[in-house]
Amino acid sequence: MPTFWYKALGHEASAAEGTIAASNRREALQRLIARGQNPIELHEHSDGPSASNVQLSFGRRSVRLATFTRQLATLSSTGSPIIKGLAVISEQTKDPNAKRVLMDVSEAVQGGSTFADALAKHPRVFPNLMTNMVRVGEMGGTLDDQLLKLSELYENEEALKGEVQAALAYPALVLLLGVLSAVILVAFFIPRLESMFDTAGQALPAPTVILLATSHFITGHYIVLIIALTLVVLAGRSALRKPQIRLAFDGFTLRVPWFGTLLRNMEIARFTRLLGTLTQAGVSIVEALGIVQPVIQNKAVAETVRQMITRISSGDRLADLMRESNI
């Protein structure tokens, strides 16, 4: 159902703006007038640039999914309708883009849409996993439980990311300091020491000659080196957009000592947590694997899950497939 953005005058000539779901412009006008609002502006909202910006901003966690699902689960468990819960959370949300998304979801529910379908209108904001679990909750009358599970899921996901960032912080800092030290040494200190080597009047060792030549090359061609490095990075990013290259690269990263183990454990934690949450919610194992696969960031692991889906549908056991994968 299309969404229309409106600006209207209400009681005591107070101005209000927001979004409303309606099948067409005429129906949107009729609904606003029925509320006692006099529309000043009204235009379709869903395909406009503002809608795109809303999704991008909200997708950058203007409102954390963990907080959103936890608050909604708490309000819903007290008996408050979903529409009321969305209104309360929207009032507390300070980011205007996130507020508009929540209002759009609320308007869609008021217009007769299910909560899951209203969330599905914003796939870049609300993940497919969340939409499916909400749909299961609506169908089975367990929406409160599903929202609570989602909040725990996203809280654990945030905790996992925090642990990984903490584990990578020290190695990244050491690497950065090492690179900066090498650049400063080669670009600034070695050229100043070269005059001392010249006055010594002795033949320099081969490593020293190589180091001086490297210093001359870097200081004399640093602009070319910066451009070349930039082109290499851009070419690498472009190549990784190709599925086969990305698959091979992600498979290689899993075999890198220490770092590969960290990536593997991250993906295993994400895979088991999501799969467990979905199956506990009553989703079949094949359907749950299909929902989990797009969430997995490493394409080598995602490809393994895709093969699992096919083979489980043919009667193979999940445990056997996990053992064969070597992941």
C-alpha atoms as a PDB file:
ATOM      1  CA  MET A   1       0.000   0.000   0.000  1.00  0.00           C
ATOM      2  CA  PRO A   2       1.453   3.418  -0.916  1.00  0.00           C
ATOM      3  CA  THR A   3       2.434   5.851   1.806  1.00  0.00           C
ATOM      4  CA  PHE A   4       1.655   9.572   1.609  1.00  0.00           C
ATOM      5  CA  TRP A   5       3.454  12.348   3.428  1.00  0.00           C
ATOM      6  CA  TYR A   6       1.162  15.100   4.663  1.00  0.00           C
ATOM      7  CA  LYS A   7       1.190  18.455   6.389  1.00  0.00           C
ATOM      8  CA  ALA A   8      -2.144  19.458   7.922  1.00  0.00           C
ATOM      9  CA  LEU A   9      -3.836  21.862  10.296  1.00  0.00           C
ATOM     10  CA  GLY A  10      -5.584  20.280  13.247  1.00  0.00           C
ATOM     11  CA  HIS A  11      -7.509  21.615  16.208  1.00  0.00           C
ATOM     12  CA  GLU A  12      -6.780  25.217  17.222  1.00  0.00           C
ATOM     13  CA  ALA A  13      -4.924  25.654  13.911  1.00  0.00           C
ATOM     14  CA  SER A  14      -1.980  23.555  15.140  1.00  0.00           C
ATOM     15  CA  ALA A  15       0.230  22.258  12.355  1.00  0.00           C
ATOM     16  CA  ALA A  16       1.122  18.570  12.140  1.00  0.00           C
ATOM     17  CA  GLU A  17       2.986  16.426   9.655  1.00  0.00           C
ATOM     18  CA  GLY A  18       3.582  12.716   9.160  1.00  0.00           C
ATOM     19  CA  THR A  19       2.777   9.790   6.897  1.00  0.00           C
ATOM     20  CA  ILE A  20      -0.417   7.894   6.212  1.00  0.00           C
ATOM     21  CA  ALA A  21      -0.982   4.630   4.366  1.00  0.00           C
ATOM     22  CA  ALA A  22      -3.744   4.634   1.762  1.00  0.00           C
ATOM     23  CA  SER A  23      -4.504   2.933  -1.535  1.00  0.00           C
ATOM     24  CA  ASN A  24      -4.605   6.283  -3.346  1.00  0.00           C
ATOM     25  CA  ARG A  25      -4.445  10.049  -2.812  1.00  0.00           C
ATOM     26  CA  ARG A  26      -8.221  10.417  -2.529  1.00  0.00           C
ATOM     27  CA  GLU A  27      -8.443   7.856   0.253  1.00  0.00           C
ATOM     28  CA  ALA A  28      -5.566   9.558   2.082  1.00  0.00           C
ATOM     29  CA  LEU A  29      -7.437  12.891   1.947  1.00  0.00           C
ATOM     30  CA  GLN A  30     -10.632  11.290   3.220  1.00  0.00           C
ATOM     31  CA  ARG A  31      -8.836   9.650   6.144  1.00  0.00           C
ATOM     32  CA  LEU A  32      -7.139  12.889   7.165  1.00  0.00           C
ATOM     33  CA  ILE A  33     -10.394  14.836   7.012  1.00  0.00           C
ATOM     34  CA  ALA A  34     -12.115  12.125   9.048  1.00  0.00           C
ATOM     35  CA  ARG A  35      -9.526  12.698  11.749  1.00  0.00           C
ATOM     36  CA  GLY A  36     -10.352  16.371  11.845  1.00  0.00           C
ATOM     37  CA  GLN A  37      -7.202  17.442  10.014  1.00  0.00           C
ATOM     38  CA  ASN A  38      -7.176  19.840   7.078  1.00  0.00           C
ATOM     39  CA  PRO A  39      -4.406  18.837   4.631  1.00  0.00           C
ATOM     40  CA  ILE A  40      -2.111  21.616   3.394  1.00  0.00           C
ATOM     41  CA  GLU A  41       0.349  19.361   1.539  1.00  0.00           C
ATOM     42  CA  LEU A  42      -0.003  15.744   0.458  1.00  0.00           C
ATOM     43  CA  HIS A  43       2.251  13.733  -1.817  1.00  0.00           C
ATOM     44  CA  GLU A  44       3.326  10.126  -2.196  1.00  0.00           C
ATOM     45  CA  HIS A  45       6.145   9.334   0.193  1.00  0.00           C
ATOM     46  CA  SER A  46       7.319   5.781  -0.474  1.00  0.00           C
ATOM     47  CA  ASP A  47       9.327   6.365  -3.647  1.00  0.00           C
ATOM     48  CA  GLY A  48      10.576   9.867  -2.946  1.00  0.00           C
ATOM     49  CA  PRO A  49      14.129  10.785  -2.001  1.00  0.00           C
ATOM     50  CA  SER A  50      13.173  11.361   1.602  1.00  0.00           C
ATOM     51  CA  ALA A  51      12.089   7.736   1.987  1.00  0.00           C
ATOM     52  CA  SER A  52      15.437   6.530   0.740  1.00  0.00           C
ATOM     53  CA  ASN A  53      17.256   8.813   3.127  1.00  0.00           C
ATOM     54  CA  VAL A  54      15.071   7.611   5.975  1.00  0.00           C
ATOM     55  CA  GLN A  55      16.020   4.012   5.373  1.00  0.00           C
ATOM     56  CA  LEU A  56      19.713   4.760   5.049  1.00  0.00           C
ATOM     57  CA  SER A  57      19.812   6.804   8.216  1.00  0.00           C
ATOM     58  CA  PHE A  58      17.772   4.306  10.199  1.00  0.00           C
ATOM     59  CA  GLY A  59      19.913   1.497   8.822  1.00  0.00           C
ATOM     60  CA  ARG A  60      22.946   3.205  10.346  1.00  0.00           C
ATOM     61  CA  ARG A  61      21.359   2.449  13.732  1.00  0.00           C
ATOM     62  CA  SER A  62      19.796   5.825  14.441  1.00  0.00           C
ATOM     63  CA  VAL A  63      17.592   3.579  16.561  1.00  0.00           C
ATOM     64  CA  ARG A  64      19.191   0.340  17.725  1.00  0.00           C
ATOM     65  CA  LEU A  65      17.172  -2.762  16.908  1.00  0.00           C
ATOM     66  CA  ALA A  66      18.018  -4.218  20.313  1.00  0.00           C
ATOM     67  CA  THR A  67      16.522  -1.201  22.069  1.00  0.00           C
ATOM     68  CA  PHE A  68      13.541  -0.991  19.712  1.00  0.00           C
ATOM     69  CA  THR A  69      12.536  -4.642  20.121  1.00  0.00           C
ATOM     70  CA  ARG A  70      13.124  -4.581  23.896  1.00  0.00           C
ATOM     71  CA  GLN A  71      10.939  -1.502  24.376  1.00  0.00           C
ATOM     72  CA  LEU A  72       8.223  -2.834  22.092  1.00  0.00           C
ATOM     73  CA  ALA A  73       8.246  -6.220  23.849  1.00  0.00           C
ATOM     74  CA  THR A  74       7.935  -4.531  27.250  1.00  0.00           C
ATOM     75  CA  LEU A  75       5.047  -2.344  26.142  1.00  0.00           C
ATOM     76  CA  SER A  76       3.295  -5.211  24.363  1.00  0.00           C
ATOM     77  CA  SER A  77       3.587  -7.486  27.421  1.00  0.00           C
ATOM     78  CA  THR A  78       1.687  -4.902  29.497  1.00  0.00           C
ATOM     79  CA  GLY A  79      -1.265  -5.156  27.145  1.00  0.00           C
ATOM     80  CA  SER A  80      -0.561  -2.082  25.031  1.00  0.00           C
ATOM     81  CA  PRO A  81      -1.467  -2.511  21.349  1.00  0.00           C
ATOM     82  CA  ILE A  82       1.378  -2.472  18.833  1.00  0.00           C
ATOM     83  CA  ILE A  83       0.145   0.856  17.449  1.00  0.00           C
ATOM     84  CA  LYS A  84       0.303   2.403  20.920  1.00  0.00           C
ATOM     85  CA  GLY A  85       3.764   0.954  21.489  1.00  0.00           C
ATOM     86  CA  LEU A  86       5.027   2.364  18.208  1.00  0.00           C
ATOM     87  CA  ALA A  87       3.585   5.767  19.105  1.00  0.00           C
ATOM     88  CA  VAL A  88       5.340   5.783  22.493  1.00  0.00           C
ATOM     89  CA  ILE A  89       8.698   4.745  21.004  1.00  0.00           C
ATOM     90  CA  SER A  90       8.301   7.264  18.190  1.00  0.00           C
ATOM     91  CA  GLU A  91       7.747  10.058  20.713  1.00  0.00           C
ATOM     92  CA  GLN A  92      10.966   9.113  22.521  1.00  0.00           C
ATOM     93  CA  THR A  93      12.969   8.917  19.289  1.00  0.00           C
ATOM     94  CA  LYS A  94      14.868  12.116  18.612  1.00  0.00           C
ATOM     95  CA  ASP A  95      16.217  11.256  15.180  1.00  0.00           C
ATOM     96  CA  PRO A  96      13.668  12.673  12.674  1.00  0.00           C
ATOM     97  CA  ASN A  97      14.358  10.030  10.030  1.00  0.00           C
ATOM     98  CA  ALA A  98      13.866   7.156  12.466  1.00  0.00           C
ATOM     99  CA  LYS A  99      10.695   8.840  13.740  1.00  0.00           C
ATOM    100  CA  ARG A 100       9.271   8.959  10.215  1.00  0.00           C
ATOM    101  CA  VAL A 101       9.991   5.264   9.665  1.00  0.00           C
ATOM    102  CA  LEU A 102       8.196   4.351  12.888  1.00  0.00           C
ATOM    103  CA  MET A 103       5.280   6.589  11.928  1.00  0.00           C
ATOM    104  CA  ASP A 104       5.131   4.936   8.529  1.00  0.00           C
ATOM    105  CA  VAL A 105       4.994   1.487  10.161  1.00  0.00           C
ATOM    106  CA  SER A 106       2.297   2.704  12.552  1.00  0.00           C
ATOM    107  CA  GLU A 107       0.230   4.168   9.719  1.00  0.00           C
ATOM    108  CA  ALA A 108       0.485   0.930   7.756  1.00  0.00           C
ATOM    109  CA  VAL A 109      -0.763  -1.077  10.754  1.00  0.00           C
ATOM    110  CA  GLN A 110      -3.607   1.390  11.271  1.00  0.00           C
ATOM    111  CA  GLY A 111      -4.486   0.978   7.610  1.00  0.00           C
ATOM    112  CA  GLY A 112      -5.065  -2.752   8.070  1.00  0.00           C
ATOM    113  CA  SER A 113      -1.607  -4.140   7.350  1.00  0.00           C
ATOM    114  CA  THR A 114      -0.060  -6.742   9.619  1.00  0.00           C
ATOM    115  CA  PHE A 115       2.882  -5.639  11.731  1.00  0.00           C
ATOM    116  CA  ALA A 116       5.186  -8.023   9.818  1.00  0.00           C
ATOM    117  CA  ASP A 117       4.109  -6.635   6.441  1.00  0.00           C
ATOM    118  CA  ALA A 118       4.580  -3.086   7.714  1.00  0.00           C
ATOM    119  CA  LEU A 119       8.139  -3.933   8.761  1.00  0.00           C
ATOM    120  CA  ALA A 120       8.796  -5.678   5.446  1.00  0.00           C
ATOM    121  CA  LYS A 121       8.209  -2.359   3.638  1.00  0.00           C
ATOM    122  CA  HIS A 122      11.582  -1.241   5.038  1.00  0.00           C
ATOM    123  CA  PRO A 123      13.941  -4.174   4.303  1.00  0.00           C
ATOM    124  CA  ARG A 124      17.027  -2.005   4.723  1.00  0.00           C
ATOM    125  CA  VAL A 125      15.850  -1.037   8.200  1.00  0.00           C
ATOM    126  CA  PHE A 126      14.239  -4.189   9.589  1.00  0.00           C
ATOM    127  CA  PRO A 127      16.067  -7.430   8.667  1.00  0.00           C
ATOM    128  CA  ASN A 128      14.288 -10.359   7.061  1.00  0.00           C
ATOM    129  CA  LEU A 129      14.933 -12.349  10.228  1.00  0.00           C
ATOM    130  CA  MET A 130      12.980  -9.862  12.317  1.00  0.00           C
ATOM    131  CA  THR A 131      10.109  -9.724   9.839  1.00  0.00           C
ATOM    132  CA  ASN A 132       9.760 -13.516   9.754  1.00  0.00           C
ATOM    133  CA  MET A 133       9.840 -13.893  13.527  1.00  0.00           C
ATOM    134  CA  VAL A 134       7.216 -11.171  13.936  1.00  0.00           C
ATOM    135  CA  ARG A 135       5.052 -12.938  11.351  1.00  0.00           C
ATOM    136  CA  VAL A 136       5.401 -16.226  13.260  1.00  0.00           C
ATOM    137  CA  GLY A 137       4.426 -14.435  16.471  1.00  0.00           C
ATOM    138  CA  GLU A 138       1.367 -12.839  14.881  1.00  0.00           C
ATOM    139  CA  MET A 139       0.202 -16.129  13.429  1.00  0.00           C
ATOM    140  CA  GLY A 140       0.734 -18.087  16.656  1.00  0.00           C
ATOM    141  CA  GLY A 141      -0.340 -15.420  19.143  1.00  0.00           C
ATOM    142  CA  THR A 142       3.164 -15.278  20.647  1.00  0.00           C
ATOM    143  CA  LEU A 143       4.256 -11.845  19.451  1.00  0.00           C
ATOM    144  CA  ASP A 144       5.423 -10.784  22.932  1.00  0.00           C
ATOM    145  CA  ASP A 145       7.701 -13.813  23.183  1.00  0.00           C
ATOM    146  CA  GLN A 146       9.099 -13.293  19.685  1.00  0.00           C
ATOM    147  CA  LEU A 147       9.878  -9.645  20.350  1.00  0.00           C
ATOM    148  CA  LEU A 148      11.623 -10.617  23.572  1.00  0.00           C
ATOM    149  CA  LYS A 149      13.699 -13.230  21.738  1.00  0.00           C
ATOM    150  CA  LEU A 150      14.589 -10.677  19.076  1.00  0.00           C
ATOM    151  CA  SER A 151      15.741  -8.193  21.708  1.00  0.00           C
ATOM    152  CA  GLU A 152      17.961 -10.847  23.315  1.00  0.00           C
ATOM    153  CA  LEU A 153      19.265 -11.826  19.892  1.00  0.00           C
ATOM    154  CA  TYR A 154      20.265  -8.285  18.913  1.00  0.00           C
ATOM    155  CA  GLU A 155      21.715  -7.582  22.356  1.00  0.00           C
ATOM    156  CA  ASN A 156      23.921 -10.678  22.046  1.00  0.00           C
ATOM    157  CA  GLU A 157      24.889  -9.611  18.529  1.00  0.00           C
ATOM    158  CA  GLU A 158      25.978  -6.201  19.798  1.00  0.00           C
ATOM    159  CA  ALA A 159      27.924  -7.842  22.631  1.00  0.00           C
ATOM    160  CA  LEU A 160      29.685 -10.112  20.122  1.00  0.00           C
ATOM    161  CA  LYS A 161      30.656  -7.145  17.957  1.00  0.00           C
ATOM    162  CA  GLY A 162      31.996  -5.357  21.011  1.00  0.00           C
ATOM    163  CA  GLU A 163      34.163  -8.346  21.951  1.00  0.00           C
ATOM    164  CA  VAL A 164      35.535  -8.617  18.415  1.00  0.00           C
ATOM    165  CA  GLN A 165      36.321  -4.914  18.238  1.00  0.00           C
ATOM    166  CA  ALA A 166      38.098  -5.132  21.584  1.00  0.00           C
ATOM    167  CA  ALA A 167      40.104  -8.136  20.381  1.00  0.00           C
ATOM    168  CA  LEU A 168      41.147  -6.332  17.179  1.00  0.00           C
ATOM    169  CA  ALA A 169      41.870  -2.945  18.766  1.00  0.00           C
ATOM    170  CA  TYR A 170      45.346  -3.759  20.103  1.00  0.00           C
ATOM    171  CA  PRO A 171      46.680  -5.541  16.957  1.00  0.00           C
ATOM    172  CA  ALA A 172      45.292  -2.744  14.766  1.00  0.00           C
ATOM    173  CA  LEU A 173      46.973  -0.098  16.924  1.00  0.00           C
ATOM    174  CA  VAL A 174      50.321  -1.942  16.843  1.00  0.00           C
ATOM    175  CA  LEU A 175      50.086  -2.325  13.052  1.00  0.00           C
ATOM    176  CA  LEU A 176      49.254   1.361  12.595  1.00  0.00           C
ATOM    177  CA  LEU A 177      52.128   2.503  14.789  1.00  0.00           C
ATOM    178  CA  GLY A 178      54.496   0.126  12.989  1.00  0.00           C
ATOM    179  CA  VAL A 179      53.537   1.467   9.565  1.00  0.00           C
ATOM    180  CA  LEU A 180      53.817   5.096  10.718  1.00  0.00           C
ATOM    181  CA  SER A 181      57.214   4.419  12.292  1.00  0.00           C
ATOM    182  CA  ALA A 182      58.502   2.806   9.097  1.00  0.00           C
ATOM    183  CA  VAL A 183      57.264   5.691   6.942  1.00  0.00           C
ATOM    184  CA  ILE A 184      58.810   8.323   9.219  1.00  0.00           C
ATOM    185  CA  LEU A 185      62.098   6.413   9.381  1.00  0.00           C
ATOM    186  CA  VAL A 186      62.428   5.923   5.629  1.00  0.00           C
ATOM    187  CA  ALA A 187      61.094   9.325   4.561  1.00  0.00           C
ATOM    188  CA  PHE A 188      62.720  11.641   7.140  1.00  0.00           C
ATOM    189  CA  PHE A 189      65.498  10.122   9.235  1.00  0.00           C
ATOM    190  CA  ILE A 190      67.434   8.018   6.715  1.00  0.00           C
ATOM    191  CA  PRO A 191      67.946  10.931   4.238  1.00  0.00           C
ATOM    192  CA  ARG A 192      69.503  12.950   7.097  1.00  0.00           C
ATOM    193  CA  LEU A 193      71.851  10.114   7.972  1.00  0.00           C
ATOM    194  CA  GLU A 194      72.988   9.694   4.369  1.00  0.00           C
ATOM    195  CA  SER A 195      75.427  12.620   4.650  1.00  0.00           C
ATOM    196  CA  MET A 196      77.085  10.827   7.569  1.00  0.00           C
ATOM    197  CA  PHE A 197      77.512   7.721   5.452  1.00  0.00           C
ATOM    198  CA  ASP A 198      79.055   9.775   2.629  1.00  0.00           C
ATOM    199  CA  THR A 199      81.657  11.381   4.904  1.00  0.00           C
ATOM    200  CA  ALA A 200      82.691   8.000   6.270  1.00  0.00           C
ATOM    201  CA  GLY A 201      84.341   7.189   2.946  1.00  0.00           C
ATOM    202  CA  GLN A 202      83.726   3.461   3.261  1.00  0.00           C
ATOM    203  CA  ALA A 203      81.716   1.024   1.192  1.00  0.00           C
ATOM    204  CA  LEU A 204      78.270   0.559   2.661  1.00  0.00           C
ATOM    205  CA  PRO A 205      76.767  -2.890   3.358  1.00  0.00           C
ATOM    206  CA  ALA A 206      74.212  -4.148   0.881  1.00  0.00           C
ATOM    207  CA  PRO A 207      71.236  -3.824   3.289  1.00  0.00           C
ATOM    208  CA  THR A 208      72.122  -0.176   3.930  1.00  0.00           C
ATOM    209  CA  VAL A 209      72.394   0.522   0.190  1.00  0.00           C
ATOM    210  CA  ILE A 210      68.966  -1.075  -0.382  1.00  0.00           C
ATOM    211  CA  LEU A 211      67.492   0.966   2.474  1.00  0.00           C
ATOM    212  CA  LEU A 212      68.894   4.222   1.056  1.00  0.00           C
ATOM    213  CA  ALA A 213      67.612   3.368  -2.446  1.00  0.00           C
ATOM    214  CA  THR A 214      64.171   2.651  -0.984  1.00  0.00           C
ATOM    215  CA  SER A 215      64.208   5.969   0.848  1.00  0.00           C
ATOM    216  CA  HIS A 216      65.158   7.858  -2.356  1.00  0.00           C
ATOM    217  CA  PHE A 217      62.420   6.125  -4.319  1.00  0.00           C
ATOM    218  CA  ILE A 218      59.704   6.831  -1.728  1.00  0.00           C
ATOM    219  CA  THR A 219      60.648  10.482  -1.216  1.00  0.00           C
ATOM    220  CA  GLY A 220      61.020  11.081  -4.958  1.00  0.00           C
ATOM    221  CA  HIS A 221      57.822   9.325  -6.086  1.00  0.00           C
ATOM    222  CA  TYR A 222      55.462   9.569  -3.121  1.00  0.00           C
ATOM    223  CA  ILE A 223      52.661  11.090  -5.209  1.00  0.00           C
ATOM    224  CA  VAL A 224      52.865   8.219  -7.700  1.00  0.00           C
ATOM    225  CA  LEU A 225      52.890   5.717  -4.846  1.00  0.00           C
ATOM    226  CA  ILE A 226      49.805   7.271  -3.249  1.00  0.00           C
ATOM    227  CA  ILE A 227      47.951   7.192  -6.580  1.00  0.00           C
ATOM    228  CA  ALA A 228      49.039   3.587  -7.214  1.00  0.00           C
ATOM    229  CA  LEU A 229      47.954   2.501  -3.729  1.00  0.00           C
ATOM    230  CA  THR A 230      44.585   4.191  -4.199  1.00  0.00           C
ATOM    231  CA  LEU A 231      44.083   2.443  -7.551  1.00  0.00           C
ATOM    232  CA  VAL A 232      45.000  -0.922  -6.024  1.00  0.00           C
ATOM    233  CA  VAL A 233      42.453  -0.435  -3.222  1.00  0.00           C
ATOM    234  CA  LEU A 234      39.714   0.610  -5.674  1.00  0.00           C
ATOM    235  CA  ALA A 235      40.520  -2.300  -7.979  1.00  0.00           C
ATOM    236  CA  GLY A 236      40.406  -4.701  -5.040  1.00  0.00           C
ATOM    237  CA  ARG A 237      37.020  -3.398  -3.909  1.00  0.00           C
ATOM    238  CA  SER A 238      35.687  -3.668  -7.454  1.00  0.00           C
ATOM    239  CA  ALA A 239      36.976  -7.228  -7.787  1.00  0.00           C
ATOM    240  CA  LEU A 240      35.386  -8.270  -4.491  1.00  0.00           C
ATOM    241  CA  ARG A 241      31.983  -7.302  -5.893  1.00  0.00           C
ATOM    242  CA  LYS A 242      32.235 -10.298  -8.231  1.00  0.00           C
ATOM    243  CA  PRO A 243      30.686 -13.330  -6.498  1.00  0.00           C
ATOM    244  CA  GLN A 244      33.378 -15.850  -7.455  1.00  0.00           C
ATOM    245  CA  ILE A 245      36.260 -13.610  -6.375  1.00  0.00           C
ATOM    246  CA  ARG A 246      34.506 -12.704  -3.117  1.00  0.00           C
ATOM    247  CA  LEU A 247      33.836 -16.388  -2.440  1.00  0.00           C
ATOM    248  CA  ALA A 248      37.510 -17.282  -2.970  1.00  0.00           C
ATOM    249  CA  PHE A 249      38.705 -14.332  -0.876  1.00  0.00           C
ATOM    250  CA  ASP A 250      36.379 -15.113   2.045  1.00  0.00           C
ATOM    251  CA  GLY A 251      37.453 -18.757   1.923  1.00  0.00           C
ATOM    252  CA  PHE A 252      41.092 -17.623   2.101  1.00  0.00           C
ATOM    253  CA  THR A 253      40.441 -15.370   5.109  1.00  0.00           C
ATOM    254  CA  LEU A 254      39.103 -18.368   7.058  1.00  0.00           C
ATOM    255  CA  ARG A 255      42.519 -20.058   6.628  1.00  0.00           C
ATOM    256  CA  VAL A 256      44.565 -17.090   7.866  1.00  0.00           C
ATOM    257  CA  PRO A 257      46.178 -17.924  11.243  1.00  0.00           C
ATOM    258  CA  TRP A 258      44.471 -16.342  14.287  1.00  0.00           C
ATOM    259  CA  PHE A 259      42.401 -13.925  12.187  1.00  0.00           C
ATOM    260  CA  GLY A 260      40.698 -16.786  10.337  1.00  0.00           C
ATOM    261  CA  THR A 261      39.858 -18.475  13.636  1.00  0.00           C
ATOM    262  CA  LEU A 262      38.307 -15.238  14.894  1.00  0.00           C
ATOM    263  CA  LEU A 263      36.192 -14.858  11.747  1.00  0.00           C
ATOM    264  CA  ARG A 264      35.144 -18.502  11.874  1.00  0.00           C
ATOM    265  CA  ASN A 265      34.044 -18.244  15.515  1.00  0.00           C
ATOM    266  CA  MET A 266      32.090 -15.059  14.758  1.00  0.00           C
ATOM    267  CA  GLU A 267      30.181 -16.697  11.929  1.00  0.00           C
ATOM    268  CA  ILE A 268      29.544 -19.869  13.956  1.00  0.00           C
ATOM    269  CA  ALA A 269      28.199 -17.789  16.838  1.00  0.00           C
ATOM    270  CA  ARG A 270      25.932 -15.807  14.500  1.00  0.00           C
ATOM    271  CA  PHE A 271      24.790 -18.955  12.656  1.00  0.00           C
ATOM    272  CA  THR A 272      23.903 -20.974  15.755  1.00  0.00           C
ATOM    273  CA  ARG A 273      22.260 -18.075  17.577  1.00  0.00           C
ATOM    274  CA  LEU A 274      20.040 -17.142  14.638  1.00  0.00           C
ATOM    275  CA  LEU A 275      19.201 -20.741  13.750  1.00  0.00           C
ATOM    276  CA  GLY A 276      18.374 -21.576  17.368  1.00  0.00           C
ATOM    277  CA  THR A 277      16.155 -18.523  17.747  1.00  0.00           C
ATOM    278  CA  LEU A 278      14.225 -19.298  14.555  1.00  0.00           C
ATOM    279  CA  THR A 279      13.693 -23.002  15.256  1.00  0.00           C
ATOM    280  CA  GLN A 280      12.609 -22.181  18.809  1.00  0.00           C
ATOM    281  CA  ALA A 281      10.050 -19.829  17.295  1.00  0.00           C
ATOM    282  CA  GLY A 282       8.597 -22.731  15.297  1.00  0.00           C
ATOM    283  CA  VAL A 283      10.229 -22.065  11.905  1.00  0.00           C
ATOM    284  CA  SER A 284      11.180 -25.220   9.996  1.00  0.00           C
ATOM    285  CA  ILE A 285      14.884 -26.012   9.721  1.00  0.00           C
ATOM    286  CA  VAL A 286      14.970 -25.520   5.940  1.00  0.00           C
ATOM    287  CA  GLU A 287      13.139 -22.203   6.107  1.00  0.00           C
ATOM    288  CA  ALA A 288      15.316 -21.093   9.044  1.00  0.00           C
ATOM    289  CA  LEU A 289      18.497 -21.854   7.115  1.00  0.00           C
ATOM    290  CA  GLY A 290      17.129 -19.843   4.190  1.00  0.00           C
ATOM    291  CA  ILE A 291      16.610 -16.847   6.492  1.00  0.00           C
ATOM    292  CA  VAL A 292      20.022 -17.220   8.139  1.00  0.00           C
ATOM    293  CA  GLN A 293      22.036 -17.544   4.918  1.00  0.00           C
ATOM    294  CA  PRO A 294      21.780 -13.875   3.770  1.00  0.00           C
ATOM    295  CA  VAL A 295      22.713 -12.686   7.267  1.00  0.00           C
ATOM    296  CA  ILE A 296      26.077 -14.496   7.225  1.00  0.00           C
ATOM    297  CA  GLN A 297      28.749 -12.050   6.095  1.00  0.00           C
ATOM    298  CA  ASN A 298      31.437 -14.521   5.020  1.00  0.00           C
ATOM    299  CA  LYS A 299      30.420 -15.780   1.571  1.00  0.00           C
ATOM    300  CA  ALA A 300      32.275 -19.089   1.958  1.00  0.00           C
ATOM    301  CA  VAL A 301      30.215 -19.908   5.038  1.00  0.00           C
ATOM    302  CA  ALA A 302      27.044 -18.613   3.349  1.00  0.00           C
ATOM    303  CA  GLU A 303      27.690 -20.892   0.359  1.00  0.00           C
ATOM    304  CA  THR A 304      28.079 -23.853   2.727  1.00  0.00           C
ATOM    305  CA  VAL A 305      24.714 -23.022   4.299  1.00  0.00           C
ATOM    306  CA  ARG A 306      23.151 -22.792   0.835  1.00  0.00           C
ATOM    307  CA  GLN A 307      24.391 -26.297   0.049  1.00  0.00           C
ATOM    308  CA  MET A 308      23.024 -27.495   3.388  1.00  0.00           C
ATOM    309  CA  ILE A 309      19.549 -26.267   2.434  1.00  0.00           C
ATOM    310  CA  THR A 310      19.585 -28.297  -0.762  1.00  0.00           C
ATOM    311  CA  ARG A 311      20.880 -31.474   0.846  1.00  0.00           C
ATOM    312  CA  ILE A 312      18.605 -31.304   3.909  1.00  0.00           C
ATOM    313  CA  SER A 313      15.653 -31.021   1.535  1.00  0.00           C
ATOM    314  CA  SER A 314      16.885 -34.303   0.042  1.00  0.00           C
ATOM    315  CA  GLY A 315      16.913 -36.011   3.438  1.00  0.00           C
ATOM    316  CA  ASP A 316      20.471 -35.494   4.753  1.00  0.00           C
ATOM    317  CA  ARG A 317      21.083 -34.755   8.438  1.00  0.00           C
ATOM    318  CA  LEU A 318      22.231 -31.297   9.522  1.00  0.00           C
ATOM    319  CA  ALA A 319      24.887 -32.701  11.868  1.00  0.00           C
ATOM    320  CA  ASP A 320      26.480 -34.724   9.045  1.00  0.00           C
ATOM    321  CA  LEU A 321      26.516 -31.715   6.730  1.00  0.00           C
ATOM    322  CA  MET A 322      28.108 -29.515   9.404  1.00  0.00           C
ATOM    323  CA  ARG A 323      30.806 -32.135   9.965  1.00  0.00           C
ATOM    324  CA  GLU A 324      31.554 -32.410   6.225  1.00  0.00           C
ATOM    325  CA  SER A 325      31.837 -28.649   5.784  1.00  0.00           C
ATOM    326  CA  ASN A 326      35.057 -28.405   7.886  1.00  0.00           C
ATOM    327  CA  ILE A 327      33.731 -25.033   9.095  1.00  0.00           C
END
